[in-house]
C-alpha atoms as a PDB file:
ATOM      1  CA  UNK A   1       0.000   0.000   0.000  1.00  0.00           C
ATOM      2  CA  UNK A   2       1.373   3.415  -0.947  1.00  0.00           C
ATOM      3  CA  UNK A   3       2.034   6.118   1.640  1.00  0.00           C
ATOM      4  CA  UNK A   4      -0.643   8.344   0.094  1.00  0.00           C
ATOM      5  CA  UNK A   5      -3.221   5.542   0.251  1.00  0.00           C
ATOM      6  CA  UNK A   6      -2.329   4.769   3.863  1.00  0.00           C
ATOM      7  CA  UNK A   7      -2.631   8.412   4.884  1.00  0.00           C
ATOM      8  CA  UNK A   8      -6.031   8.649   3.176  1.00  0.00           C
ATOM      9  CA  UNK A   9      -7.196   5.555   5.046  1.00  0.00           C
ATOM     10  CA  UNK A  10      -5.898   6.925   8.356  1.00  0.00           C
ATOM     11  CA  UNK A  11      -7.668  10.215   7.783  1.00  0.00           C
ATOM     12  CA  UNK A  12     -10.923   8.449   6.896  1.00  0.00           C
ATOM     13  CA  UNK A  13     -10.657   6.294  10.006  1.00  0.00           C
ATOM     14  CA  UNK A  14      -9.886   9.302  12.198  1.00  0.00           C
ATOM     15  CA  UNK A  15      -6.512   7.884  13.225  1.00  0.00           C
ATOM     16  CA  UNK A  16      -4.557  11.032  12.445  1.00  0.00           C
ATOM     17  CA  UNK A  17      -1.291  11.340  10.551  1.00  0.00           C
ATOM     18  CA  UNK A  18       1.467   8.986   9.460  1.00  0.00           C
ATOM     19  CA  UNK A  19       3.277   6.347  11.454  1.00  0.00           C
ATOM     20  CA  UNK A  20       6.816   7.150  12.502  1.00  0.00           C
ATOM     21  CA  UNK A  21       8.233   4.739   9.905  1.00  0.00           C
ATOM     22  CA  UNK A  22       6.524   6.816   7.205  1.00  0.00           C
ATOM     23  CA  UNK A  23       8.577   9.893   8.104  1.00  0.00           C
ATOM     24  CA  UNK A  24      11.775   8.799   9.887  1.00  0.00           C
ATOM     25  CA  UNK A  25      14.311   6.016   9.527  1.00  0.00           C
ATOM     26  CA  UNK A  26      17.568   5.387  11.386  1.00  0.00           C
ATOM     27  CA  UNK A  27      19.909   2.829   9.822  1.00  0.00           C
ATOM     28  CA  UNK A  28      23.279   1.559  10.993  1.00  0.00           C
ATOM     29  CA  UNK A  29      25.228  -0.083   8.182  1.00  0.00           C
ATOM     30  CA  UNK A  30      28.649  -1.208   7.004  1.00  0.00           C
ATOM     31  CA  UNK A  31      30.032   0.446   3.909  1.00  0.00           C
ATOM     32  CA  UNK A  32      30.649  -1.574   0.759  1.00  0.00           C
ATOM     33  CA  UNK A  33      32.329   1.005  -1.483  1.00  0.00           C
ATOM     34  CA  UNK A  34      29.700   0.529  -4.201  1.00  0.00           C
ATOM     35  CA  UNK A  35      29.193   3.380  -6.642  1.00  0.00           C
ATOM     36  CA  UNK A  36      25.419   3.016  -6.269  1.00  0.00           C
ATOM     37  CA  UNK A  37      23.856   1.567  -3.116  1.00  0.00           C
ATOM     38  CA  UNK A  38      20.106   1.659  -2.469  1.00  0.00           C
ATOM     39  CA  UNK A  39      18.436   1.941   0.927  1.00  0.00           C
ATOM     40  CA  UNK A  40      14.790   0.864   0.912  1.00  0.00           C
ATOM     41  CA  UNK A  41      12.043   0.358   3.472  1.00  0.00           C
ATOM     42  CA  UNK A  42      12.225   3.925   4.704  1.00  0.00           C
ATOM     43  CA  UNK A  43      10.136   7.055   4.123  1.00  0.00           C
ATOM     44  CA  UNK A  44       9.147   8.294   0.672  1.00  0.00           C
ATOM     45  CA  UNK A  45      11.930  10.817   0.287  1.00  0.00           C
ATOM     46  CA  UNK A  46      11.093  11.363  -3.376  1.00  0.00           C
ATOM     47  CA  UNK A  47       7.424  12.177  -2.874  1.00  0.00           C
ATOM     48  CA  UNK A  48       7.536  13.902   0.513  1.00  0.00           C
ATOM     49  CA  UNK A  49      10.985  15.443   0.376  1.00  0.00           C
ATOM     50  CA  UNK A  50      13.203  15.822   3.384  1.00  0.00           C
ATOM     51  CA  UNK A  51      16.676  15.525   4.867  1.00  0.00           C
ATOM     52  CA  UNK A  52      19.338  12.794   4.825  1.00  0.00           C
ATOM     53  CA  UNK A  53      22.064  12.918   7.496  1.00  0.00           C
ATOM     54  CA  UNK A  54      25.095  10.602   7.437  1.00  0.00           C
ATOM     55  CA  UNK A  55      28.072  10.057   9.749  1.00  0.00           C
ATOM     56  CA  UNK A  56      30.893   7.537   9.915  1.00  0.00           C
ATOM     57  CA  UNK A  57      30.958   5.646  13.214  1.00  0.00           C
ATOM     58  CA  UNK A  58      34.316   3.930  12.773  1.00  0.00           C
ATOM     59  CA  UNK A  59      36.506   6.822  11.646  1.00  0.00           C
ATOM     60  CA  UNK A  60      36.884  10.563  11.943  1.00  0.00           C
ATOM     61  CA  UNK A  61      34.901  12.110   9.074  1.00  0.00           C
ATOM     62  CA  UNK A  62      32.498  14.994   8.622  1.00  0.00           C
ATOM     63  CA  UNK A  63      28.733  14.903   9.032  1.00  0.00           C
ATOM     64  CA  UNK A  64      26.788  15.167   5.771  1.00  0.00           C
ATOM     65  CA  UNK A  65      23.473  17.049   5.626  1.00  0.00           C
ATOM     66  CA  UNK A  66      21.712  16.757   2.247  1.00  0.00           C
ATOM     67  CA  UNK A  67      18.121  17.683   1.484  1.00  0.00           C
ATOM     68  CA  UNK A  68      15.647  17.565  -1.371  1.00  0.00           C
ATOM     69  CA  UNK A  69      15.386  21.337  -1.794  1.00  0.00           C
ATOM     70  CA  UNK A  70      19.114  21.808  -2.405  1.00  0.00           C
ATOM     71  CA  UNK A  71      19.313  18.514  -4.317  1.00  0.00           C
ATOM     72  CA  UNK A  72      21.321  15.306  -4.047  1.00  0.00           C
ATOM     73  CA  UNK A  73      25.058  15.794  -3.853  1.00  0.00           C
ATOM     74  CA  UNK A  74      24.851  19.279  -2.359  1.00  0.00           C
ATOM     75  CA  UNK A  75      25.958  18.965   1.231  1.00  0.00           C
ATOM     76  CA  UNK A  76      26.461  20.999   4.366  1.00  0.00           C
ATOM     77  CA  UNK A  77      28.436  19.747   7.330  1.00  0.00           C
ATOM     78  CA  UNK A  78      27.665  20.513  10.965  1.00  0.00           C
ATOM     79  CA  UNK A  79      31.310  19.991  11.893  1.00  0.00           C
ATOM     80  CA  UNK A  80      32.233  23.421  10.494  1.00  0.00           C
ATOM     81  CA  UNK A  81      30.954  26.837   9.449  1.00  0.00           C
ATOM     82  CA  UNK A  82      31.750  26.106   5.789  1.00  0.00           C
ATOM     83  CA  UNK A  83      29.457  26.976   2.905  1.00  0.00           C
ATOM     84  CA  UNK A  84      27.633  24.357   0.846  1.00  0.00           C
ATOM     85  CA  UNK A  85      29.808  21.856  -1.006  1.00  0.00           C
ATOM     86  CA  UNK A  86      29.135  19.467  -3.863  1.00  0.00           C
ATOM     87  CA  UNK A  87      30.108  15.794  -4.162  1.00  0.00           C
ATOM     88  CA  UNK A  88      28.396  13.589  -6.748  1.00  0.00           C
ATOM     89  CA  UNK A  89      29.179  10.335  -4.927  1.00  0.00           C
ATOM     90  CA  UNK A  90      27.439  11.145  -1.610  1.00  0.00           C
ATOM     91  CA  UNK A  91      23.615  11.010  -1.825  1.00  0.00           C
ATOM     92  CA  UNK A  92      22.907  10.286  -5.475  1.00  0.00           C
ATOM     93  CA  UNK A  93      19.101  10.358  -5.351  1.00  0.00           C
ATOM     94  CA  UNK A  94      16.126  10.636  -3.032  1.00  0.00           C
ATOM     95  CA  UNK A  95      13.862   7.637  -3.626  1.00  0.00           C
ATOM     96  CA  UNK A  96      10.402   6.210  -2.899  1.00  0.00           C
ATOM     97  CA  UNK A  97      11.673   4.234   0.096  1.00  0.00           C
ATOM     98  CA  UNK A  98      14.846   6.027   1.127  1.00  0.00           C
ATOM     99  CA  UNK A  99      17.988   7.171  -0.689  1.00  0.00           C
ATOM    100  CA  UNK A 100      20.701   5.922  -3.021  1.00  0.00           C
ATOM    101  CA  UNK A 101      24.277   6.717  -2.035  1.00  0.00           C
ATOM    102  CA  UNK A 102      27.635   6.584  -3.797  1.00  0.00           C
ATOM    103  CA  UNK A 103      31.106   5.452  -2.772  1.00  0.00           C
ATOM    104  CA  UNK A 104      32.382   8.563  -0.993  1.00  0.00           C
ATOM    105  CA  UNK A 105      34.307   7.576   2.141  1.00  0.00           C
ATOM    106  CA  UNK A 106      32.207  10.028   4.166  1.00  0.00           C
ATOM    107  CA  UNK A 107      29.273   7.616   3.921  1.00  0.00           C
ATOM    108  CA  UNK A 108      30.231   4.365   2.139  1.00  0.00           C
ATOM    109  CA  UNK A 109      33.850   3.292   2.465  1.00  0.00           C
ATOM    110  CA  UNK A 110      34.235  -0.489   2.415  1.00  0.00           C
ATOM    111  CA  UNK A 111      34.281  -2.158   5.856  1.00  0.00           C
ATOM    112  CA  UNK A 112      33.631   1.045   7.797  1.00  0.00           C
ATOM    113  CA  UNK A 113      30.451   1.533   9.807  1.00  0.00           C
ATOM    114  CA  UNK A 114      27.968   4.413   9.457  1.00  0.00           C
ATOM    115  CA  UNK A 115      24.720   5.864  10.733  1.00  0.00           C
ATOM    116  CA  UNK A 116      22.014   7.272   8.472  1.00  0.00           C
ATOM    117  CA  UNK A 117      19.046   9.378   9.610  1.00  0.00           C
ATOM    118  CA  UNK A 118      16.231  10.158   7.154  1.00  0.00           C
ATOM    119  CA  UNK A 119      13.683  12.865   8.015  1.00  0.00           C
ATOM    120  CA  UNK A 120      10.713  13.166   5.639  1.00  0.00           C
ATOM    121  CA  UNK A 121       8.634  16.324   5.424  1.00  0.00           C
ATOM    122  CA  UNK A 122       5.335  15.873   7.216  1.00  0.00           C
ATOM    123  CA  UNK A 123       2.947  17.922   9.299  1.00  0.00           C
ATOM    124  CA  UNK A 124       3.597  17.416  12.983  1.00  0.00           C
ATOM    125  CA  UNK A 125       7.121  16.134  12.369  1.00  0.00           C
ATOM    126  CA  UNK A 126       9.624  17.899  10.087  1.00  0.00           C
ATOM    127  CA  UNK A 127       9.916  20.527   7.378  1.00  0.00           C
ATOM    128  CA  UNK A 128      12.718  22.038   5.295  1.00  0.00           C
ATOM    129  CA  UNK A 129      12.472  25.600   3.984  1.00  0.00           C
ATOM    130  CA  UNK A 130      14.705  27.840   1.890  1.00  0.00           C
ATOM    131  CA  UNK A 131      14.711  31.641   2.034  1.00  0.00           C
ATOM    132  CA  UNK A 132      16.932  34.566   1.108  1.00  0.00           C
ATOM    133  CA  UNK A 133      17.593  37.229   3.726  1.00  0.00           C
ATOM    134  CA  UNK A 134      16.205  40.708   3.160  1.00  0.00           C
ATOM    135  CA  UNK A 135      17.484  42.507   6.265  1.00  0.00           C
ATOM    136  CA  UNK A 136      14.048  43.356   7.647  1.00  0.00           C
ATOM    137  CA  UNK A 137      13.097  43.083  11.304  1.00  0.00           C
ATOM    138  CA  UNK A 138      10.902  40.247  12.588  1.00  0.00           C
ATOM    139  CA  UNK A 139      10.379  38.694   9.172  1.00  0.00           C
ATOM    140  CA  UNK A 140       7.875  35.817   8.997  1.00  0.00           C
ATOM    141  CA  UNK A 141       8.927  32.717   7.018  1.00  0.00           C
ATOM    142  CA  UNK A 142       6.104  30.227   6.244  1.00  0.00           C
ATOM    143  CA  UNK A 143       6.381  26.548   7.122  1.00  0.00           C
ATOM    144  CA  UNK A 144       4.076  23.526   6.869  1.00  0.00           C
ATOM    145  CA  UNK A 145       4.444  21.784  10.243  1.00  0.00           C
ATOM    146  CA  UNK A 146       0.897  22.597  11.363  1.00  0.00           C
ATOM    147  CA  UNK A 147       2.270  22.947  14.912  1.00  0.00           C
ATOM    148  CA  UNK A 148       4.893  25.285  16.324  1.00  0.00           C
ATOM    149  CA  UNK A 149       8.448  24.049  15.800  1.00  0.00           C
ATOM    150  CA  UNK A 150      10.335  22.995  18.905  1.00  0.00           C
ATOM    151  CA  UNK A 151      13.732  23.341  17.251  1.00  0.00           C
ATOM    152  CA  UNK A 152      14.923  25.229  14.171  1.00  0.00           C
ATOM    153  CA  UNK A 153      18.355  24.902  12.550  1.00  0.00           C
ATOM    154  CA  UNK A 154      19.367  27.484   9.927  1.00  0.00           C
ATOM    155  CA  UNK A 155      22.534  27.583   7.768  1.00  0.00           C
ATOM    156  CA  UNK A 156      23.687  30.097   5.178  1.00  0.00           C
ATOM    157  CA  UNK A 157      24.517  28.094   2.052  1.00  0.00           C
ATOM    158  CA  UNK A 158      26.757  30.582   0.280  1.00  0.00           C
ATOM    159  CA  UNK A 159      29.404  31.430   2.858  1.00  0.00           C
ATOM    160  CA  UNK A 160      31.004  30.691   6.197  1.00  0.00           C
ATOM    161  CA  UNK A 161      28.540  31.132   9.054  1.00  0.00           C
ATOM    162  CA  UNK A 162      27.245  29.642  12.251  1.00  0.00           C
ATOM    163  CA  UNK A 163      24.618  26.956  12.221  1.00  0.00           C
ATOM    164  CA  UNK A 164      22.015  29.042  14.072  1.00  0.00           C
ATOM    165  CA  UNK A 165      19.824  26.938  16.361  1.00  0.00           C
ATOM    166  CA  UNK A 166      16.575  27.905  18.066  1.00  0.00           C
ATOM    167  CA  UNK A 167      15.124  25.586  20.705  1.00  0.00           C
ATOM    168  CA  UNK A 168      11.974  26.394  22.625  1.00  0.00           C
ATOM    169  CA  UNK A 169      13.506  25.475  26.003  1.00  0.00           C
ATOM    170  CA  UNK A 170      17.051  26.785  25.654  1.00  0.00           C
ATOM    171  CA  UNK A 171      18.436  29.376  28.081  1.00  0.00           C
ATOM    172  CA  UNK A 172      21.538  31.525  27.839  1.00  0.00           C
ATOM    173  CA  UNK A 173      23.802  32.646  30.702  1.00  0.00           C
ATOM    174  CA  UNK A 174      21.346  35.415  31.556  1.00  0.00           C
ATOM    175  CA  UNK A 175      18.228  33.194  31.412  1.00  0.00           C
ATOM    176  CA  UNK A 176      16.913  35.100  28.404  1.00  0.00           C
ATOM    177  CA  UNK A 177      14.050  33.459  26.480  1.00  0.00           C
ATOM    178  CA  UNK A 178      15.033  31.369  23.436  1.00  0.00           C
ATOM    179  CA  UNK A 179      14.062  34.140  21.007  1.00  0.00           C
ATOM    180  CA  UNK A 180      16.775  36.360  22.521  1.00  0.00           C
ATOM    181  CA  UNK A 181      19.749  34.107  21.818  1.00  0.00           C
ATOM    182  CA  UNK A 182      20.900  31.233  19.658  1.00  0.00           C
ATOM    183  CA  UNK A 183      22.908  28.050  19.931  1.00  0.00           C
ATOM    184  CA  UNK A 184      25.595  26.972  17.467  1.00  0.00           C
ATOM    185  CA  UNK A 185      25.292  23.459  16.083  1.00  0.00           C
ATOM    186  CA  UNK A 186      28.907  23.447  14.896  1.00  0.00           C
ATOM    187  CA  UNK A 187      30.221  24.149  18.400  1.00  0.00           C
ATOM    188  CA  UNK A 188      29.803  23.296  22.061  1.00  0.00           C
ATOM    189  CA  UNK A 189      28.806  26.824  23.115  1.00  0.00           C
ATOM    190  CA  UNK A 190      26.053  27.094  25.692  1.00  0.00           C
ATOM    191  CA  UNK A 191      24.280  29.945  23.916  1.00  0.00           C
ATOM    192  CA  UNK A 192      25.071  33.312  22.394  1.00  0.00           C
ATOM    193  CA  UNK A 193      23.036  36.288  23.582  1.00  0.00           C
ATOM    194  CA  UNK A 194      21.881  38.140  20.472  1.00  0.00           C
ATOM    195  CA  UNK A 195      18.459  39.736  20.678  1.00  0.00           C
ATOM    196  CA  UNK A 196      17.815  40.220  16.965  1.00  0.00           C
ATOM    197  CA  UNK A 197      18.426  36.809  15.445  1.00  0.00           C
ATOM    198  CA  UNK A 198      14.951  35.243  15.804  1.00  0.00           C
ATOM    199  CA  UNK A 199      12.460  37.980  16.647  1.00  0.00           C
ATOM    200  CA  UNK A 200       9.011  36.735  17.651  1.00  0.00           C
ATOM    201  CA  UNK A 201       8.418  33.168  18.859  1.00  0.00           C
ATOM    202  CA  UNK A 202       7.458  30.755  16.045  1.00  0.00           C
ATOM    203  CA  UNK A 203       3.859  29.684  15.440  1.00  0.00           C
ATOM    204  CA  UNK A 204       2.128  26.740  13.775  1.00  0.00           C
ATOM    205  CA  UNK A 205       2.521  28.381  10.355  1.00  0.00           C
ATOM    206  CA  UNK A 206       5.546  30.715  10.453  1.00  0.00           C
ATOM    207  CA  UNK A 207       8.904  31.220  12.129  1.00  0.00           C
ATOM    208  CA  UNK A 208      10.683  34.537  12.443  1.00  0.00           C
ATOM    209  CA  UNK A 209      14.138  35.836  11.593  1.00  0.00           C
ATOM    210  CA  UNK A 210      15.301  39.305  12.591  1.00  0.00           C
ATOM    211  CA  UNK A 211      17.561  42.053  11.245  1.00  0.00           C
ATOM    212  CA  UNK A 212      20.974  41.161  12.717  1.00  0.00           C
ATOM    213  CA  UNK A 213      23.524  41.898   9.980  1.00  0.00           C
ATOM    214  CA  UNK A 214      25.480  38.771  10.880  1.00  0.00           C
ATOM    215  CA  UNK A 215      22.429  36.531  11.148  1.00  0.00           C
ATOM    216  CA  UNK A 216      20.357  34.370   8.811  1.00  0.00           C
ATOM    217  CA  UNK A 217      18.242  37.272   7.549  1.00  0.00           C
ATOM    218  CA  UNK A 218      21.176  39.431   6.440  1.00  0.00           C
ATOM    219  CA  UNK A 219      20.424  40.859   3.018  1.00  0.00           C
ATOM    220  CA  UNK A 220      21.185  38.448   0.192  1.00  0.00           C
ATOM    221  CA  UNK A 221      21.955  35.400   2.317  1.00  0.00           C
ATOM    222  CA  UNK A 222      20.431  32.256   0.789  1.00  0.00           C
ATOM    223  CA  UNK A 223      19.659  29.962   3.739  1.00  0.00           C
ATOM    224  CA  UNK A 224      18.168  26.561   4.405  1.00  0.00           C
ATOM    225  CA  UNK A 225      16.120  25.926   7.556  1.00  0.00           C
ATOM    226  CA  UNK A 226      15.355  22.565   9.147  1.00  0.00           C
ATOM    227  CA  UNK A 227      12.288  22.648  11.407  1.00  0.00           C
ATOM    228  CA  UNK A 228      11.530  19.945  13.982  1.00  0.00           C
ATOM    229  CA  UNK A 229       8.039  19.918  15.443  1.00  0.00           C
ATOM    230  CA  UNK A 230       6.999  19.705  19.058  1.00  0.00           C
ATOM    231  CA  UNK A 231       3.879  17.555  19.408  1.00  0.00           C
ATOM    232  CA  UNK A 232       3.098  16.494  23.005  1.00  0.00           C
ATOM    233  CA  UNK A 233      -0.157  14.757  22.045  1.00  0.00           C
ATOM    234  CA  UNK A 234      -0.578  11.038  22.690  1.00  0.00           C
ATOM    235  CA  UNK A 235      -0.238  10.358  18.959  1.00  0.00           C
ATOM    236  CA  UNK A 236       2.753  12.697  18.509  1.00  0.00           C
ATOM    237  CA  UNK A 237       5.936  11.504  16.814  1.00  0.00           C
ATOM    238  CA  UNK A 238       8.436  14.067  18.090  1.00  0.00           C
ATOM    239  CA  UNK A 239       8.952  16.210  21.164  1.00  0.00           C
ATOM    240  CA  UNK A 240      11.394  18.982  22.025  1.00  0.00           C
ATOM    241  CA  UNK A 241      11.829  19.843  25.677  1.00  0.00           C
ATOM    242  CA  UNK A 242      14.162  20.489  28.558  1.00  0.00           C
ATOM    243  CA  UNK A 243      15.165  19.123  31.947  1.00  0.00           C
ATOM    244  CA  UNK A 244      17.360  20.007  34.921  1.00  0.00           C
ATOM    245  CA  UNK A 245      20.141  17.653  35.962  1.00  0.00           C
ATOM    246  CA  UNK A 246      20.514  16.327  39.505  1.00  0.00           C
ATOM    247  CA  UNK A 247      24.175  15.226  39.408  1.00  0.00           C
ATOM    248  CA  UNK A 248      23.332  11.683  40.556  1.00  0.00           C
ATOM    249  CA  UNK A 249      24.077   8.344  38.923  1.00  0.00           C
ATOM    250  CA  UNK A 250      20.326   7.794  39.066  1.00  0.00           C
ATOM    251  CA  UNK A 251      19.421  10.875  37.119  1.00  0.00           C
ATOM    252  CA  UNK A 252      16.105  12.466  36.213  1.00  0.00           C
ATOM    253  CA  UNK A 253      13.492  10.689  34.112  1.00  0.00           C
ATOM    254  CA  UNK A 254      11.959  12.526  31.168  1.00  0.00           C
ATOM    255  CA  UNK A 255       8.363  11.586  30.362  1.00  0.00           C
ATOM    256  CA  UNK A 256       7.324  11.610  26.711  1.00  0.00           C
ATOM    257  CA  UNK A 257       4.340   9.268  26.878  1.00  0.00           C
ATOM    258  CA  UNK A 258       6.059   6.842  24.499  1.00  0.00           C
ATOM    259  CA  UNK A 259       9.372   5.052  23.978  1.00  0.00           C
ATOM    260  CA  UNK A 260      11.917   6.943  21.852  1.00  0.00           C
ATOM    261  CA  UNK A 261      14.319   5.591  19.246  1.00  0.00           C
ATOM    262  CA  UNK A 262      16.388   8.790  18.902  1.00  0.00           C
ATOM    263  CA  UNK A 263      17.347  11.391  21.511  1.00  0.00           C
ATOM    264  CA  UNK A 264      19.553  14.449  21.044  1.00  0.00           C
ATOM    265  CA  UNK A 265      20.757  16.234  24.216  1.00  0.00           C
ATOM    266  CA  UNK A 266      22.595  19.560  24.632  1.00  0.00           C
ATOM    267  CA  UNK A 267      23.523  21.434  27.796  1.00  0.00           C
ATOM    268  CA  UNK A 268      22.686  25.140  27.669  1.00  0.00           C
ATOM    269  CA  UNK A 269      23.096  28.254  29.841  1.00  0.00           C
ATOM    270  CA  UNK A 270      25.800  26.966  32.207  1.00  0.00           C
ATOM    271  CA  UNK A 271      27.510  24.353  30.040  1.00  0.00           C
ATOM    272  CA  UNK A 272      30.095  26.140  27.910  1.00  0.00           C
ATOM    273  CA  UNK A 273      31.802  23.099  26.403  1.00  0.00           C
ATOM    274  CA  UNK A 274      29.243  20.329  26.135  1.00  0.00           C
ATOM    275  CA  UNK A 275      28.435  18.439  22.946  1.00  0.00           C
ATOM    276  CA  UNK A 276      25.305  17.935  20.870  1.00  0.00           C
ATOM    277  CA  UNK A 277      25.032  14.298  21.916  1.00  0.00           C
ATOM    278  CA  UNK A 278      23.007  11.967  19.690  1.00  0.00           C
ATOM    279  CA  UNK A 279      21.747   8.577  20.890  1.00  0.00           C
ATOM    280  CA  UNK A 280      19.568   6.005  19.146  1.00  0.00           C
ATOM    281  CA  UNK A 281      18.259   2.505  19.796  1.00  0.00           C
ATOM    282  CA  UNK A 282      20.466   0.780  17.200  1.00  0.00           C
ATOM    283  CA  UNK A 283      23.462   0.287  19.504  1.00  0.00           C
ATOM    284  CA  UNK A 284      21.974  -0.467  22.938  1.00  0.00           C
ATOM    285  CA  UNK A 285      22.960  -2.576  25.898  1.00  0.00           C
ATOM    286  CA  UNK A 286      19.685  -3.829  27.276  1.00  0.00           C
ATOM    287  CA  UNK A 287      17.540  -0.696  27.283  1.00  0.00           C
ATOM    288  CA  UNK A 288      20.559   1.602  27.538  1.00  0.00           C
ATOM    289  CA  UNK A 289      22.098   3.522  24.649  1.00  0.00           C
ATOM    290  CA  UNK A 290      25.860   3.047  24.960  1.00  0.00           C
ATOM    291  CA  UNK A 291      27.015   4.415  21.587  1.00  0.00           C
ATOM    292  CA  UNK A 292      26.844   8.118  20.778  1.00  0.00           C
ATOM    293  CA  UNK A 293      27.985  10.606  18.228  1.00  0.00           C
ATOM    294  CA  UNK A 294      27.954  14.411  18.406  1.00  0.00           C
ATOM    295  CA  UNK A 295      26.624  16.745  15.715  1.00  0.00           C
ATOM    296  CA  UNK A 296      29.530  19.188  16.043  1.00  0.00           C
ATOM    297  CA  UNK A 297      32.292  16.570  16.069  1.00  0.00           C
ATOM    298  CA  UNK A 298      33.990  14.753  13.185  1.00  0.00           C
ATOM    299  CA  UNK A 299      35.023  12.000  15.614  1.00  0.00           C
ATOM    300  CA  UNK A 300      33.648   8.498  15.315  1.00  0.00           C
ATOM    301  CA  UNK A 301      31.256   6.739  17.676  1.00  0.00           C
ATOM    302  CA  UNK A 302      32.123   6.845  21.367  1.00  0.00           C
ATOM    303  CA  UNK A 303      31.049   3.931  23.534  1.00  0.00           C
ATOM    304  CA  UNK A 304      30.290   4.938  27.114  1.00  0.00           C
ATOM    305  CA  UNK A 305      29.037   3.226  30.169  1.00  0.00           C
ATOM    306  CA  UNK A 306      25.293   3.757  29.846  1.00  0.00           C
ATOM    307  CA  UNK A 307      24.508   7.461  30.195  1.00  0.00           C
ATOM    308  CA  UNK A 308      20.907   7.264  28.987  1.00  0.00           C
ATOM    309  CA  UNK A 309      18.249   4.548  28.900  1.00  0.00           C
ATOM    310  CA  UNK A 310      15.151   4.475  26.724  1.00  0.00           C
ATOM    311  CA  UNK A 311      12.020   3.429  28.611  1.00  0.00           C
ATOM    312  CA  UNK A 312       8.439   2.665  27.501  1.00  0.00           C
ATOM    313  CA  UNK A 313       7.432   6.200  28.518  1.00  0.00           C
ATOM    314  CA  UNK A 314      10.532   8.282  27.768  1.00  0.00           C
ATOM    315  CA  UNK A 315      14.164   8.194  28.835  1.00  0.00           C
ATOM    316  CA  UNK A 316      16.247   8.359  32.008  1.00  0.00           C
ATOM    317  CA  UNK A 317      19.744   9.678  32.664  1.00  0.00           C
ATOM    318  CA  UNK A 318      22.043   7.025  34.135  1.00  0.00           C
ATOM    319  CA  UNK A 319      25.126   9.052  34.976  1.00  0.00           C
ATOM    320  CA  UNK A 320      26.317  12.260  36.607  1.00  0.00           C
ATOM    321  CA  UNK A 321      28.434  13.089  33.528  1.00  0.00           C
ATOM    322  CA  UNK A 322      28.223  16.863  33.013  1.00  0.00           C
ATOM    323  CA  UNK A 323      27.192  16.649  29.357  1.00  0.00           C
ATOM    324  CA  UNK A 324      23.874  15.013  30.310  1.00  0.00           C
ATOM    325  CA  UNK A 325      23.306  15.357  34.078  1.00  0.00           C
ATOM    326  CA  UNK A 326      25.268  17.938  36.053  1.00  0.00           C
ATOM    327  CA  UNK A 327      23.620  19.083  39.264  1.00  0.00           C
ATOM    328  CA  UNK A 328      21.456  22.069  38.388  1.00  0.00           C
ATOM    329  CA  UNK A 329      22.502  21.905  34.724  1.00  0.00           C
ATOM    330  CA  UNK A 330      20.045  23.076  32.077  1.00  0.00           C
ATOM    331  CA  UNK A 331      19.514  20.713  29.144  1.00  0.00           C
ATOM    332  CA  UNK A 332      17.475  20.610  25.959  1.00  0.00           C
ATOM    333  CA  UNK A 333      16.476  17.538  23.991  1.00  0.00           C
ATOM    334  CA  UNK A 334      14.767  16.382  20.844  1.00  0.00           C
ATOM    335  CA  UNK A 335      13.204  12.920  20.974  1.00  0.00           C
ATOM    336  CA  UNK A 336      11.671  10.820  18.186  1.00  0.00           C
ATOM    337  CA  UNK A 337       9.179   8.047  18.784  1.00  0.00           C
ATOM    338  CA  UNK A 338      10.164   4.399  18.335  1.00  0.00           C
ATOM    339  CA  UNK A 339       8.435   2.246  15.724  1.00  0.00           C
ATOM    340  CA  UNK A 340       5.422   0.253  16.851  1.00  0.00           C
ATOM    341  CA  UNK A 341       4.674   2.250  20.025  1.00  0.00           C
END
């Protein structure tokens, strides 16, 4: 049954939107060096559009961010401030059930291991938007999430710049609201206080960029924005939130109402050198996620003693490590629902 047919049936039955497997897929794989390798069984990246993110687990290599608006082979990397690059042998096409990749060592070198995350565009989950800055204050940019985004990542394609990040629960050193500062995806900074980056808080149909001359709405800057929804409903597929650490080996529990398969955690406000830690359920030990990578780092997978466990209703912190659970530390997260729950 096609995705469109399934969504029509769900709507007719009153069961809401897509299943998580229709819009997100995490895959751990071993490279084979093939010039054309297909991944199937995932979301309809051709019909829906979206974002493909790749990272080597077994060696130090850059992150690749490629989306359907910019086109296959046009990549950005969250490990630096660099402008958009082009490589024909990275993602070669966006397909009905996933993507086709080439032989580039960044994502398919023989015998090396990798992680792939596919985010399809869908209301209540994810959207990707392009815009060109015009220098105006509090400019509204339309999106199609249908709910307010919980996290927004923006990158200027044509030059060196920060990866500007908005998160609805982030705080800076002065406890300013998230609209008054930004985080940097390419670094471990806790938050940079700049009042005119975002402007007004985002809504279910628009997000705002402001008139800072060094920001994403600077005149002539062609930018791409990745928007991650926050949907706390029982049927929701993604949540963005925050928690306060307690500094204990038995750390706080975060309630989502469902079991996650992907959790990103970042310390803000008082954590000046903590990573954008990414965990998933593909490399667990029991219920604990022991393997992690970091969005800002070119390093390979790091295997820890369990720092985080996925539970049927959310996740718990299993360590007093400062990057996830310092006493009084402020943290943000993005969590994606597991399949079948």
